[in-house]
Amino acid sequence: MACGALARHVADIAARRGWPVDVHPLPPLLHNHPERIARAVEERVGELRGRYGTVAVGFADCGSYGALAAACRRLGLRMLAGGHCYDVFAGAERMRRLFDDEPGTYVLTDYLVRSFRRSVLVELGLDRHPELREDYFRHYRRVVWLAQEPTAELRAAAQDAAAVLGLPLEVVPVGDGGLERELEKLLP
């Protein structure tokens, strides 16, 4: 199973590598309530265990503060390393440097670029109350897009997202190699 924000990338990598993998995504908006991720994973594992010889978890910690790792240990499952998908795509050390260079960094992945209006503006209520933008984003100084597929269309959407937040955009091409390496570790 995979985080809905990673599922498309996981499926693409599996197809490219010829891995016999079925991807079962969980809703990406679980990230807005990370305390629910571990339970959602446990429930989905219960559904999938009878159908598959191996189940792996395509999530990093994602704000669960170790609850997901604890659930995976109890269930004997492997999961992605890292605190969040940013670590998976860019590497934990690179992310540490980005945040050390500018602690006020708001990070986007391709998924967040594509879904910015729904995942950020609507979920935070900024579509209805744009005056809240300053309350939410006052301490941010830049937007960093970890570009897995830096197309012109996604670049324009990332620039639009940064403009909505009133912040400059920095593009960091990362590809999906980090995710691919982490997925390899999940395979039997």
N, C-alpha and C. Protein backbone atom coordinates (compact mmCIF):
# COMPACT_ATOMS: atom_id res chain seq x y z
N MET A 1 0.85 -1.16 0.00
CA MET A 1 0.00 0.00 0.00
C MET A 1 0.90 1.22 0.00
N ALA A 2 0.35 2.34 -0.45
CA ALA A 2 1.17 3.55 -0.54
C ALA A 2 0.35 4.77 -0.17
N CYS A 3 1.05 5.77 0.27
CA CYS A 3 0.44 7.07 0.45
C CYS A 3 -0.12 7.52 -0.90
N GLY A 4 -1.30 8.06 -0.89
CA GLY A 4 -1.89 8.52 -2.15
C GLY A 4 -1.06 9.55 -2.88
N ALA A 5 -0.24 10.30 -2.14
CA ALA A 5 0.63 11.29 -2.77
C ALA A 5 1.82 10.63 -3.47
N LEU A 6 2.11 9.40 -3.14
CA LEU A 6 3.23 8.67 -3.76
C LEU A 6 2.77 7.57 -4.71
N ALA A 7 1.52 7.21 -4.66
CA ALA A 7 1.03 6.02 -5.37
C ALA A 7 1.35 6.04 -6.85
N ARG A 8 1.16 7.16 -7.51
CA ARG A 8 1.44 7.22 -8.95
C ARG A 8 2.92 6.98 -9.22
N HIS A 9 3.78 7.57 -8.40
CA HIS A 9 5.23 7.37 -8.57
C HIS A 9 5.60 5.91 -8.31
N VAL A 10 5.00 5.32 -7.28
CA VAL A 10 5.28 3.92 -6.95
C VAL A 10 4.85 3.03 -8.11
N ALA A 11 3.68 3.26 -8.65
CA ALA A 11 3.19 2.45 -9.77
C ALA A 11 4.08 2.62 -11.00
N ASP A 12 4.51 3.85 -11.28
CA ASP A 12 5.39 4.09 -12.42
C ASP A 12 6.72 3.37 -12.27
N ILE A 13 7.30 3.45 -11.08
CA ILE A 13 8.59 2.78 -10.83
C ILE A 13 8.42 1.27 -10.94
N ALA A 14 7.37 0.73 -10.34
CA ALA A 14 7.13 -0.72 -10.41
C ALA A 14 6.98 -1.18 -11.85
N ALA A 15 6.24 -0.42 -12.65
CA ALA A 15 6.06 -0.79 -14.06
C ALA A 15 7.39 -0.72 -14.81
N ARG A 16 8.15 0.33 -14.58
CA ARG A 16 9.44 0.51 -15.26
C ARG A 16 10.41 -0.60 -14.90
N ARG A 17 10.37 -1.04 -13.65
CA ARG A 17 11.29 -2.08 -13.18
C ARG A 17 10.74 -3.50 -13.39
N GLY A 18 9.49 -3.61 -13.80
CA GLY A 18 8.90 -4.93 -14.00
C GLY A 18 8.60 -5.66 -12.71
N TRP A 19 8.39 -4.93 -11.64
CA TRP A 19 8.08 -5.53 -10.35
C TRP A 19 6.61 -5.97 -10.33
N PRO A 20 6.32 -7.17 -9.85
CA PRO A 20 4.92 -7.62 -9.76
C PRO A 20 4.26 -7.01 -8.50
N VAL A 21 3.90 -5.75 -8.62
CA VAL A 21 3.40 -4.99 -7.48
C VAL A 21 2.03 -4.42 -7.81
N ASP A 22 1.10 -4.58 -6.90
CA ASP A 22 -0.17 -3.86 -6.96
C ASP A 22 -0.08 -2.73 -5.95
N VAL A 23 -0.46 -1.55 -6.37
CA VAL A 23 -0.39 -0.39 -5.48
C VAL A 23 -1.80 -0.09 -4.99
N HIS A 24 -1.94 -0.05 -3.68
CA HIS A 24 -3.21 0.26 -3.04
C HIS A 24 -3.03 1.57 -2.27
N PRO A 25 -3.48 2.68 -2.84
CA PRO A 25 -3.26 3.98 -2.18
C PRO A 25 -4.25 4.24 -1.05
N LEU A 26 -3.74 4.94 -0.06
CA LEU A 26 -4.59 5.50 0.99
C LEU A 26 -4.77 6.98 0.67
N PRO A 27 -5.82 7.60 1.15
CA PRO A 27 -6.08 9.00 0.80
C PRO A 27 -4.92 9.92 1.20
N PRO A 28 -4.43 10.72 0.26
CA PRO A 28 -3.33 11.63 0.59
C PRO A 28 -3.69 12.68 1.63
N LEU A 29 -4.97 12.98 1.76
CA LEU A 29 -5.37 13.99 2.74
C LEU A 29 -5.24 13.49 4.18
N LEU A 30 -4.85 12.21 4.36
CA LEU A 30 -4.50 11.74 5.69
C LEU A 30 -3.38 12.58 6.29
N HIS A 31 -2.56 13.18 5.43
CA HIS A 31 -1.46 14.02 5.93
C HIS A 31 -1.96 15.23 6.70
N ASN A 32 -3.18 15.62 6.45
CA ASN A 32 -3.75 16.72 7.22
C ASN A 32 -4.17 16.27 8.61
N HIS A 33 -4.19 14.95 8.82
CA HIS A 33 -4.51 14.36 10.12
C HIS A 33 -3.56 13.18 10.34
N PRO A 34 -2.26 13.44 10.52
CA PRO A 34 -1.29 12.34 10.59
C PRO A 34 -1.53 11.38 11.74
N GLU A 35 -2.28 11.79 12.73
CA GLU A 35 -2.58 10.89 13.83
C GLU A 35 -3.48 9.73 13.37
N ARG A 36 -4.03 9.84 12.17
CA ARG A 36 -4.91 8.79 11.63
C ARG A 36 -4.19 7.82 10.69
N ILE A 37 -2.94 8.12 10.34
CA ILE A 37 -2.24 7.32 9.33
C ILE A 37 -2.01 5.89 9.81
N ALA A 38 -1.49 5.71 11.00
CA ALA A 38 -1.16 4.35 11.48
C ALA A 38 -2.41 3.47 11.49
N ARG A 39 -3.50 3.99 11.99
CA ARG A 39 -4.73 3.20 12.04
C ARG A 39 -5.23 2.86 10.63
N ALA A 40 -5.16 3.83 9.72
CA ALA A 40 -5.60 3.57 8.34
C ALA A 40 -4.73 2.50 7.69
N VAL A 41 -3.43 2.54 7.96
CA VAL A 41 -2.52 1.51 7.43
C VAL A 41 -2.88 0.15 8.02
N GLU A 42 -3.08 0.10 9.33
CA GLU A 42 -3.43 -1.18 9.97
C GLU A 42 -4.72 -1.76 9.38
N GLU A 43 -5.71 -0.91 9.16
CA GLU A 43 -6.97 -1.38 8.59
C GLU A 43 -6.77 -1.92 7.18
N ARG A 44 -5.99 -1.19 6.37
CA ARG A 44 -5.76 -1.65 4.99
C ARG A 44 -4.95 -2.94 4.98
N VAL A 45 -3.98 -3.08 5.88
CA VAL A 45 -3.21 -4.32 5.97
C VAL A 45 -4.15 -5.48 6.25
N GLY A 46 -5.10 -5.27 7.13
CA GLY A 46 -6.08 -6.32 7.43
C GLY A 46 -6.83 -6.76 6.19
N GLU A 47 -7.12 -5.82 5.30
CA GLU A 47 -7.82 -6.14 4.06
C GLU A 47 -6.92 -6.85 3.05
N LEU A 48 -5.63 -6.51 3.04
CA LEU A 48 -4.72 -7.00 2.00
C LEU A 48 -3.98 -8.28 2.36
N ARG A 49 -3.79 -8.54 3.62
CA ARG A 49 -2.96 -9.68 4.03
C ARG A 49 -3.44 -11.00 3.47
N GLY A 50 -4.71 -11.22 3.38
CA GLY A 50 -5.22 -12.48 2.85
C GLY A 50 -5.05 -12.62 1.34
N ARG A 51 -4.82 -11.51 0.66
CA ARG A 51 -4.71 -11.52 -0.80
C ARG A 51 -3.27 -11.55 -1.31
N TYR A 52 -2.31 -11.16 -0.45
CA TYR A 52 -0.93 -11.02 -0.90
C TYR A 52 0.03 -11.72 0.06
N GLY A 53 1.07 -12.30 -0.50
CA GLY A 53 2.10 -12.92 0.32
C GLY A 53 2.95 -11.90 1.04
N THR A 54 3.14 -10.74 0.42
CA THR A 54 3.93 -9.67 1.02
C THR A 54 3.16 -8.37 0.93
N VAL A 55 3.12 -7.66 2.02
CA VAL A 55 2.54 -6.31 2.05
C VAL A 55 3.63 -5.39 2.58
N ALA A 56 3.82 -4.28 1.91
CA ALA A 56 4.79 -3.27 2.35
C ALA A 56 4.08 -1.93 2.41
N VAL A 57 4.67 -1.01 3.16
CA VAL A 57 4.04 0.28 3.42
C VAL A 57 4.83 1.40 2.75
N GLY A 58 4.24 1.99 1.73
CA GLY A 58 4.86 3.10 1.01
C GLY A 58 4.55 4.43 1.67
N PHE A 59 4.89 4.55 2.92
CA PHE A 59 4.78 5.78 3.71
C PHE A 59 6.09 5.95 4.46
N ALA A 60 6.52 7.18 4.64
CA ALA A 60 7.53 7.49 5.65
C ALA A 60 6.76 7.79 6.93
N ASP A 61 7.38 8.41 7.92
CA ASP A 61 6.67 8.69 9.17
C ASP A 61 5.50 9.66 8.96
N CYS A 62 5.69 10.65 8.13
CA CYS A 62 4.61 11.56 7.71
C CYS A 62 3.88 12.26 8.87
N GLY A 63 4.62 12.58 9.92
CA GLY A 63 4.00 13.30 11.02
C GLY A 63 3.28 12.43 12.03
N SER A 64 3.46 11.12 11.94
CA SER A 64 2.78 10.23 12.89
C SER A 64 3.55 10.11 14.21
N TYR A 65 4.72 10.74 14.29
CA TYR A 65 5.55 10.72 15.50
C TYR A 65 5.84 9.30 15.99
N GLY A 66 6.16 8.43 15.03
CA GLY A 66 6.54 7.06 15.36
C GLY A 66 5.40 6.07 15.44
N ALA A 67 4.16 6.54 15.41
CA ALA A 67 3.01 5.61 15.51
C ALA A 67 2.97 4.66 14.32
N LEU A 68 3.30 5.15 13.13
CA LEU A 68 3.29 4.28 11.96
C LEU A 68 4.39 3.24 12.06
N ALA A 69 5.57 3.64 12.48
CA ALA A 69 6.68 2.68 12.64
C ALA A 69 6.31 1.62 13.67
N ALA A 70 5.69 2.02 14.76
CA ALA A 70 5.28 1.07 15.79
C ALA A 70 4.25 0.08 15.23
N ALA A 71 3.30 0.58 14.47
CA ALA A 71 2.30 -0.30 13.86
C ALA A 71 2.96 -1.27 12.88
N CYS A 72 3.90 -0.78 12.10
CA CYS A 72 4.59 -1.65 11.14
C CYS A 72 5.40 -2.72 11.87
N ARG A 73 6.04 -2.36 12.97
CA ARG A 73 6.78 -3.36 13.76
C ARG A 73 5.82 -4.44 14.28
N ARG A 74 4.69 -4.01 14.83
CA ARG A 74 3.69 -4.98 15.35
C ARG A 74 3.21 -5.92 14.25
N LEU A 75 3.05 -5.37 13.06
CA LEU A 75 2.51 -6.16 11.95
C LEU A 75 3.59 -6.86 11.12
N GLY A 76 4.85 -6.61 11.45
CA GLY A 76 5.95 -7.23 10.71
C GLY A 76 6.08 -6.69 9.29
N LEU A 77 5.85 -5.40 9.11
CA LEU A 77 5.90 -4.78 7.79
C LEU A 77 7.09 -3.84 7.65
N ARG A 78 7.57 -3.73 6.44
CA ARG A 78 8.59 -2.74 6.12
C ARG A 78 7.92 -1.48 5.61
N MET A 79 8.54 -0.33 5.89
CA MET A 79 8.01 0.95 5.43
C MET A 79 9.17 1.79 4.90
N LEU A 80 8.83 2.88 4.25
CA LEU A 80 9.85 3.79 3.73
C LEU A 80 10.59 4.45 4.89
N ALA A 81 11.86 4.69 4.70
CA ALA A 81 12.66 5.39 5.71
C ALA A 81 12.41 6.89 5.60
N GLY A 82 12.66 7.59 6.68
CA GLY A 82 12.59 9.05 6.66
C GLY A 82 11.43 9.60 7.44
N GLY A 83 11.52 10.88 7.68
CA GLY A 83 10.48 11.57 8.42
C GLY A 83 9.28 11.89 7.57
N HIS A 84 9.48 11.99 6.26
CA HIS A 84 8.41 12.36 5.33
C HIS A 84 8.88 12.06 3.92
N CYS A 85 7.99 12.22 2.97
CA CYS A 85 8.35 11.89 1.59
C CYS A 85 9.44 12.82 1.05
N TYR A 86 9.61 14.00 1.66
CA TYR A 86 10.68 14.89 1.22
C TYR A 86 12.03 14.20 1.41
N ASP A 87 12.20 13.51 2.55
CA ASP A 87 13.43 12.76 2.79
C ASP A 87 13.59 11.65 1.76
N VAL A 88 12.49 11.02 1.40
CA VAL A 88 12.55 9.92 0.43
C VAL A 88 12.98 10.45 -0.94
N PHE A 89 12.41 11.54 -1.38
CA PHE A 89 12.74 12.08 -2.70
C PHE A 89 14.11 12.76 -2.73
N ALA A 90 14.39 13.60 -1.77
CA ALA A 90 15.60 14.43 -1.83
C ALA A 90 16.74 13.91 -0.96
N GLY A 91 16.45 13.04 -0.02
CA GLY A 91 17.45 12.58 0.93
C GLY A 91 17.38 13.42 2.20
N ALA A 92 17.51 12.75 3.33
CA ALA A 92 17.39 13.44 4.62
C ALA A 92 18.45 14.51 4.79
N GLU A 93 19.67 14.24 4.36
CA GLU A 93 20.75 15.23 4.52
C GLU A 93 20.49 16.47 3.67
N ARG A 94 20.04 16.28 2.47
CA ARG A 94 19.73 17.43 1.61
C ARG A 94 18.59 18.25 2.21
N MET A 95 17.57 17.58 2.74
CA MET A 95 16.47 18.30 3.37
C MET A 95 16.96 19.05 4.61
N ARG A 96 17.83 18.44 5.36
CA ARG A 96 18.38 19.11 6.54
C ARG A 96 19.10 20.40 6.11
N ARG A 97 19.89 20.32 5.04
CA ARG A 97 20.59 21.50 4.55
C ARG A 97 19.63 22.58 4.07
N LEU A 98 18.56 22.17 3.36
CA LEU A 98 17.58 23.14 2.89
C LEU A 98 16.94 23.88 4.06
N PHE A 99 16.59 23.15 5.12
CA PHE A 99 15.97 23.78 6.28
C PHE A 99 16.98 24.56 7.11
N ASP A 100 18.23 24.10 7.15
CA ASP A 100 19.27 24.86 7.86
C ASP A 100 19.53 26.18 7.14
N ASP A 101 19.55 26.13 5.80
CA ASP A 101 19.78 27.35 5.02
C ASP A 101 18.64 28.35 5.19
N GLU A 102 17.42 27.84 5.27
CA GLU A 102 16.25 28.70 5.45
C GLU A 102 15.17 27.93 6.19
N PRO A 103 15.11 28.11 7.52
CA PRO A 103 14.08 27.39 8.30
C PRO A 103 12.66 27.69 7.83
N GLY A 104 12.42 28.84 7.25
CA GLY A 104 11.10 29.20 6.76
C GLY A 104 10.86 28.70 5.35
N THR A 105 11.05 27.40 5.15
CA THR A 105 10.89 26.79 3.84
C THR A 105 9.61 25.97 3.79
N TYR A 106 8.76 26.28 2.82
CA TYR A 106 7.55 25.49 2.57
C TYR A 106 7.88 24.58 1.39
N VAL A 107 7.68 23.28 1.56
CA VAL A 107 8.11 22.31 0.55
C VAL A 107 6.92 21.76 -0.22
N LEU A 108 7.11 21.66 -1.52
CA LEU A 108 6.13 21.05 -2.41
C LEU A 108 6.76 19.86 -3.12
N THR A 109 5.98 18.82 -3.33
CA THR A 109 6.34 17.72 -4.22
C THR A 109 5.48 17.88 -5.47
N ASP A 110 5.69 17.04 -6.45
CA ASP A 110 4.84 17.10 -7.65
C ASP A 110 3.38 16.93 -7.28
N TYR A 111 3.10 15.99 -6.37
CA TYR A 111 1.72 15.80 -5.95
C TYR A 111 1.14 17.10 -5.38
N LEU A 112 1.87 17.75 -4.49
CA LEU A 112 1.36 18.98 -3.88
C LEU A 112 1.24 20.11 -4.89
N VAL A 113 2.12 20.13 -5.88
CA VAL A 113 1.99 21.14 -6.94
C VAL A 113 0.68 20.90 -7.69
N ARG A 114 0.44 19.63 -8.07
CA ARG A 114 -0.77 19.31 -8.82
C ARG A 114 -2.05 19.56 -8.01
N SER A 115 -1.99 19.32 -6.73
CA SER A 115 -3.20 19.37 -5.90
C SER A 115 -3.23 20.57 -4.97
N PHE A 116 -2.39 21.57 -5.20
CA PHE A 116 -2.22 22.67 -4.26
C PHE A 116 -3.55 23.32 -3.89
N ARG A 117 -4.35 23.62 -4.88
CA ARG A 117 -5.62 24.29 -4.59
C ARG A 117 -6.48 23.46 -3.64
N ARG A 118 -6.59 22.16 -3.90
CA ARG A 118 -7.42 21.29 -3.07
C ARG A 118 -6.75 20.97 -1.73
N SER A 119 -5.49 20.53 -1.80
CA SER A 119 -4.80 20.05 -0.61
C SER A 119 -4.41 21.15 0.37
N VAL A 120 -4.14 22.33 -0.15
CA VAL A 120 -3.69 23.41 0.73
C VAL A 120 -4.76 24.49 0.86
N LEU A 121 -5.14 25.10 -0.24
CA LEU A 121 -6.06 26.24 -0.14
C LEU A 121 -7.42 25.85 0.42
N VAL A 122 -8.02 24.80 -0.12
CA VAL A 122 -9.34 24.39 0.35
C VAL A 122 -9.25 23.80 1.76
N GLU A 123 -8.27 22.92 1.99
CA GLU A 123 -8.15 22.27 3.29
C GLU A 123 -7.87 23.26 4.42
N LEU A 124 -7.12 24.31 4.12
CA LEU A 124 -6.84 25.33 5.14
C LEU A 124 -7.91 26.42 5.18
N GLY A 125 -8.88 26.34 4.27
CA GLY A 125 -9.94 27.34 4.24
C GLY A 125 -9.55 28.65 3.59
N LEU A 126 -8.40 28.67 2.93
CA LEU A 126 -7.93 29.91 2.30
C LEU A 126 -8.75 30.29 1.07
N ASP A 127 -9.46 29.35 0.50
CA ASP A 127 -10.35 29.67 -0.62
C ASP A 127 -11.52 30.52 -0.14
N ARG A 128 -11.93 30.31 1.10
CA ARG A 128 -13.05 31.05 1.68
C ARG A 128 -12.60 32.23 2.53
N HIS A 129 -11.40 32.12 3.08
CA HIS A 129 -10.88 33.15 3.98
C HIS A 129 -9.43 33.47 3.62
N PRO A 130 -9.21 34.14 2.50
CA PRO A 130 -7.83 34.42 2.07
C PRO A 130 -7.05 35.27 3.07
N GLU A 131 -7.76 35.97 3.94
CA GLU A 131 -7.09 36.80 4.95
C GLU A 131 -6.28 35.94 5.94
N LEU A 132 -6.54 34.63 5.97
CA LEU A 132 -5.79 33.74 6.86
C LEU A 132 -4.40 33.40 6.33
N ARG A 133 -4.13 33.73 5.07
CA ARG A 133 -2.83 33.41 4.47
C ARG A 133 -1.68 33.91 5.34
N GLU A 134 -1.78 35.12 5.78
CA GLU A 134 -0.71 35.70 6.60
C GLU A 134 -0.57 34.95 7.93
N ASP A 135 -1.68 34.53 8.52
CA ASP A 135 -1.60 33.77 9.77
C ASP A 135 -0.88 32.44 9.57
N TYR A 136 -1.20 31.75 8.47
CA TYR A 136 -0.60 30.45 8.21
C TYR A 136 0.84 30.54 7.73
N PHE A 137 1.15 31.52 6.89
CA PHE A 137 2.42 31.52 6.16
C PHE A 137 3.34 32.68 6.48
N ARG A 138 3.05 33.43 7.53
CA ARG A 138 3.83 34.63 7.86
C ARG A 138 5.31 34.33 8.08
N HIS A 139 5.64 33.17 8.61
CA HIS A 139 7.03 32.86 8.95
C HIS A 139 7.77 32.12 7.83
N TYR A 140 7.10 31.85 6.76
CA TYR A 140 7.78 31.21 5.62
C TYR A 140 8.47 32.28 4.79
N ARG A 141 9.61 31.90 4.21
CA ARG A 141 10.39 32.83 3.40
C ARG A 141 10.56 32.38 1.96
N ARG A 142 10.30 31.10 1.70
CA ARG A 142 10.43 30.59 0.34
C ARG A 142 9.63 29.29 0.20
N VAL A 143 9.37 28.96 -1.06
CA VAL A 143 8.78 27.68 -1.43
C VAL A 143 9.85 26.90 -2.17
N VAL A 144 10.08 25.67 -1.79
CA VAL A 144 10.99 24.79 -2.51
C VAL A 144 10.17 23.67 -3.11
N TRP A 145 10.24 23.56 -4.42
CA TRP A 145 9.58 22.47 -5.13
C TRP A 145 10.61 21.38 -5.38
N LEU A 146 10.42 20.21 -4.77
CA LEU A 146 11.25 19.04 -5.03
C LEU A 146 10.68 18.38 -6.28
N ALA A 147 11.23 18.74 -7.41
CA ALA A 147 10.66 18.36 -8.71
C ALA A 147 11.05 16.94 -9.10
N GLN A 148 10.04 16.06 -9.10
CA GLN A 148 10.28 14.71 -9.59
C GLN A 148 10.23 14.70 -11.11
N GLU A 149 9.29 15.41 -11.69
CA GLU A 149 9.15 15.52 -13.14
C GLU A 149 9.00 17.00 -13.48
N PRO A 150 10.09 17.72 -13.63
CA PRO A 150 10.01 19.18 -13.82
C PRO A 150 9.54 19.59 -15.22
N THR A 151 8.27 19.38 -15.47
CA THR A 151 7.70 19.78 -16.76
C THR A 151 7.34 21.26 -16.72
N ALA A 152 7.12 21.83 -17.89
CA ALA A 152 6.72 23.24 -17.96
C ALA A 152 5.38 23.46 -17.26
N GLU A 153 4.48 22.51 -17.43
CA GLU A 153 3.16 22.62 -16.80
C GLU A 153 3.27 22.62 -15.28
N LEU A 154 4.07 21.70 -14.74
CA LEU A 154 4.24 21.65 -13.28
C LEU A 154 5.00 22.88 -12.77
N ARG A 155 5.98 23.34 -13.54
CA ARG A 155 6.71 24.54 -13.13
C ARG A 155 5.75 25.73 -13.03
N ALA A 156 4.86 25.87 -14.00
CA ALA A 156 3.88 26.97 -13.95
C ALA A 156 2.97 26.82 -12.74
N ALA A 157 2.54 25.59 -12.43
CA ALA A 157 1.68 25.36 -11.27
C ALA A 157 2.44 25.64 -9.97
N ALA A 158 3.71 25.27 -9.91
CA ALA A 158 4.52 25.55 -8.72
C ALA A 158 4.71 27.06 -8.54
N GLN A 159 4.93 27.76 -9.64
CA GLN A 159 5.06 29.22 -9.57
C GLN A 159 3.76 29.86 -9.11
N ASP A 160 2.64 29.31 -9.57
CA ASP A 160 1.34 29.81 -9.14
C ASP A 160 1.14 29.58 -7.64
N ALA A 161 1.50 28.39 -7.16
CA ALA A 161 1.36 28.09 -5.73
C ALA A 161 2.22 29.05 -4.91
N ALA A 162 3.45 29.27 -5.33
CA ALA A 162 4.33 30.19 -4.60
C ALA A 162 3.76 31.61 -4.62
N ALA A 163 3.21 32.01 -5.75
CA ALA A 163 2.63 33.35 -5.87
C ALA A 163 1.43 33.51 -4.94
N VAL A 164 0.61 32.47 -4.85
CA VAL A 164 -0.55 32.51 -3.94
C VAL A 164 -0.07 32.72 -2.50
N LEU A 165 1.06 32.11 -2.16
CA LEU A 165 1.60 32.25 -0.81
C LEU A 165 2.42 33.54 -0.65
N GLY A 166 2.68 34.22 -1.77
CA GLY A 166 3.47 35.44 -1.73
C GLY A 166 4.94 35.19 -1.44
N LEU A 167 5.45 34.06 -1.93
CA LEU A 167 6.82 33.65 -1.64
C LEU A 167 7.58 33.34 -2.92
N PRO A 168 8.91 33.51 -2.90
CA PRO A 168 9.70 33.12 -4.06
C PRO A 168 9.78 31.59 -4.16
N LEU A 169 9.92 31.12 -5.39
CA LEU A 169 10.00 29.69 -5.66
C LEU A 169 11.44 29.30 -5.98
N GLU A 170 11.88 28.22 -5.36
CA GLU A 170 13.16 27.60 -5.71
C GLU A 170 12.84 26.18 -6.19
N VAL A 171 13.38 25.81 -7.33
CA VAL A 171 13.15 24.47 -7.88
C VAL A 171 14.38 23.62 -7.64
N VAL A 172 14.17 22.47 -7.01
CA VAL A 172 15.25 21.53 -6.74
C VAL A 172 14.90 20.22 -7.46
N PRO A 173 15.50 19.95 -8.61
CA PRO A 173 15.21 18.70 -9.32
C PRO A 173 15.73 17.50 -8.51
N VAL A 174 14.84 16.55 -8.22
CA VAL A 174 15.22 15.37 -7.44
C VAL A 174 14.91 14.07 -8.16
N GLY A 175 14.01 14.08 -9.13
CA GLY A 175 13.62 12.84 -9.79
C GLY A 175 12.94 11.89 -8.82
N ASP A 176 12.91 10.61 -9.19
CA ASP A 176 12.29 9.62 -8.30
C ASP A 176 13.28 8.53 -7.89
N GLY A 177 14.57 8.79 -8.10
CA GLY A 177 15.60 7.80 -7.74
C GLY A 177 15.62 7.47 -6.26
N GLY A 178 15.43 8.46 -5.41
CA GLY A 178 15.40 8.19 -3.97
C GLY A 178 14.24 7.29 -3.59
N LEU A 179 13.08 7.55 -4.17
CA LEU A 179 11.93 6.69 -3.92
C LEU A 179 12.20 5.29 -4.45
N GLU A 180 12.78 5.19 -5.62
CA GLU A 180 13.07 3.88 -6.20
C GLU A 180 14.01 3.07 -5.29
N ARG A 181 15.05 3.72 -4.78
CA ARG A 181 15.97 3.02 -3.88
C ARG A 181 15.26 2.55 -2.61
N GLU A 182 14.38 3.39 -2.07
CA GLU A 182 13.64 2.99 -0.86
C GLU A 182 12.67 1.85 -1.16
N LEU A 183 12.04 1.89 -2.33
CA LEU A 183 11.11 0.81 -2.68
C LEU A 183 11.83 -0.52 -2.82
N GLU A 184 13.04 -0.48 -3.38
CA GLU A 184 13.83 -1.72 -3.51
C GLU A 184 14.00 -2.41 -2.15
N LYS A 185 14.15 -1.61 -1.10
CA LYS A 185 14.36 -2.16 0.24
C LYS A 185 13.09 -2.82 0.79
N LEU A 186 11.93 -2.48 0.22
CA LEU A 186 10.67 -3.04 0.69
C LEU A 186 10.34 -4.38 0.04
N LEU A 187 10.98 -4.65 -1.08
CA LEU A 187 10.68 -5.89 -1.81
C LEU A 187 11.32 -7.09 -1.13
N PRO A 188 10.65 -8.25 -1.22
CA PRO A 188 11.22 -9.47 -0.58
C PRO A 188 12.45 -9.95 -1.34
